[in-house]
């Protein structure tokens, strides 16, 4: 699969009436994003990766429906609303695939993980407010674009298949990570229930999917391709996994927990929910961060075993290092489940 070039982006941008400078936006494992200057302001032009989203129209249906709902409910929040082409459509096709454009949000910045308690609390609250704003959105309106995305049983089955198919070289390099899976899978599989859906959730609550106001007063959840019917603990667990870890995502020596950041993020998420937390959800949240870290580690390791086809890598072995990081983090977060439970009381 060939990713689009700057020239491809320039040609597509013209369909939105944007003929100014086009720059690649760094970051992200899946799609390609470009900042485009237009007469009416800058746009975020995005190409949807068909290798990850085999039905990109379904993804875009979901994004349009959610953004229109959010903008109608709270137009002052500054959501990155969809932009129409000169022909009046929210999406367009070319030889490389499906494209869309969203309003570029000026004077906002992105972080990989919170640098202090304030950023942790603010960012966690942003994800919680996103879920709260969709509390009255009918989940039946959403297409199932990534079935089994947070289904640990399905992820482990895919891992088992990958292990059988993997080369002896890759299995050898992954020996320590494979031992981690053996050690952790029974513990987490026991707490893995068949998916049941109680809310519309974001689905990918790592901190890079937040845009902070320049004064750090608010954070807005962005990147809506994974919005899905789901369980609150999936969003909460993934958020805390992302916020509280030390080191870069591909640092195999990282995977420790920053306790002050963890505390601030838990409190920020609860504040952002504004009391919309059921007793069942409260019981499920403490173990969720370790569960989500383990599942992401399984996904990274699976991709390494089959040849690094899903997550974008910048160097050989990066997915293996990502997996090691998540397995260490899962163990550290499991030791803090009681702390999280006390913070939720």
Foldseek 3Di string as FASTA:
>chain_A
DDADDQVVVQVVVVQLQFNADWDWDDDDFFKTWIWTQHPVGIKIKIFGHCVQFVPVVLLVQVVQVLLVLLCVQPVPVDDFHWGATPVGHQWDADPNGIMGITHDDPQWDADQADPALLLLLQLLLQQLLSQLSQQVPDQVSHDCRDPCLLQLVVLVVLLVVLVVVFDPVLCVVLVVLVVLCVVCVVVLVVVGDDWDFDTFHQQASARRQWIAHNVRPHIHGHDRSRGHGGAPLQNLLNHLLRHFWDDDLLALPTQAGDVSSSLSNLLSNVVSNVPPADPVNLVPNLLSNLSNLQSQLSVLSSCLRNPNDRTDDPDRPSSSSSSSNSSSNSVNSNVCSVVSSVSSD
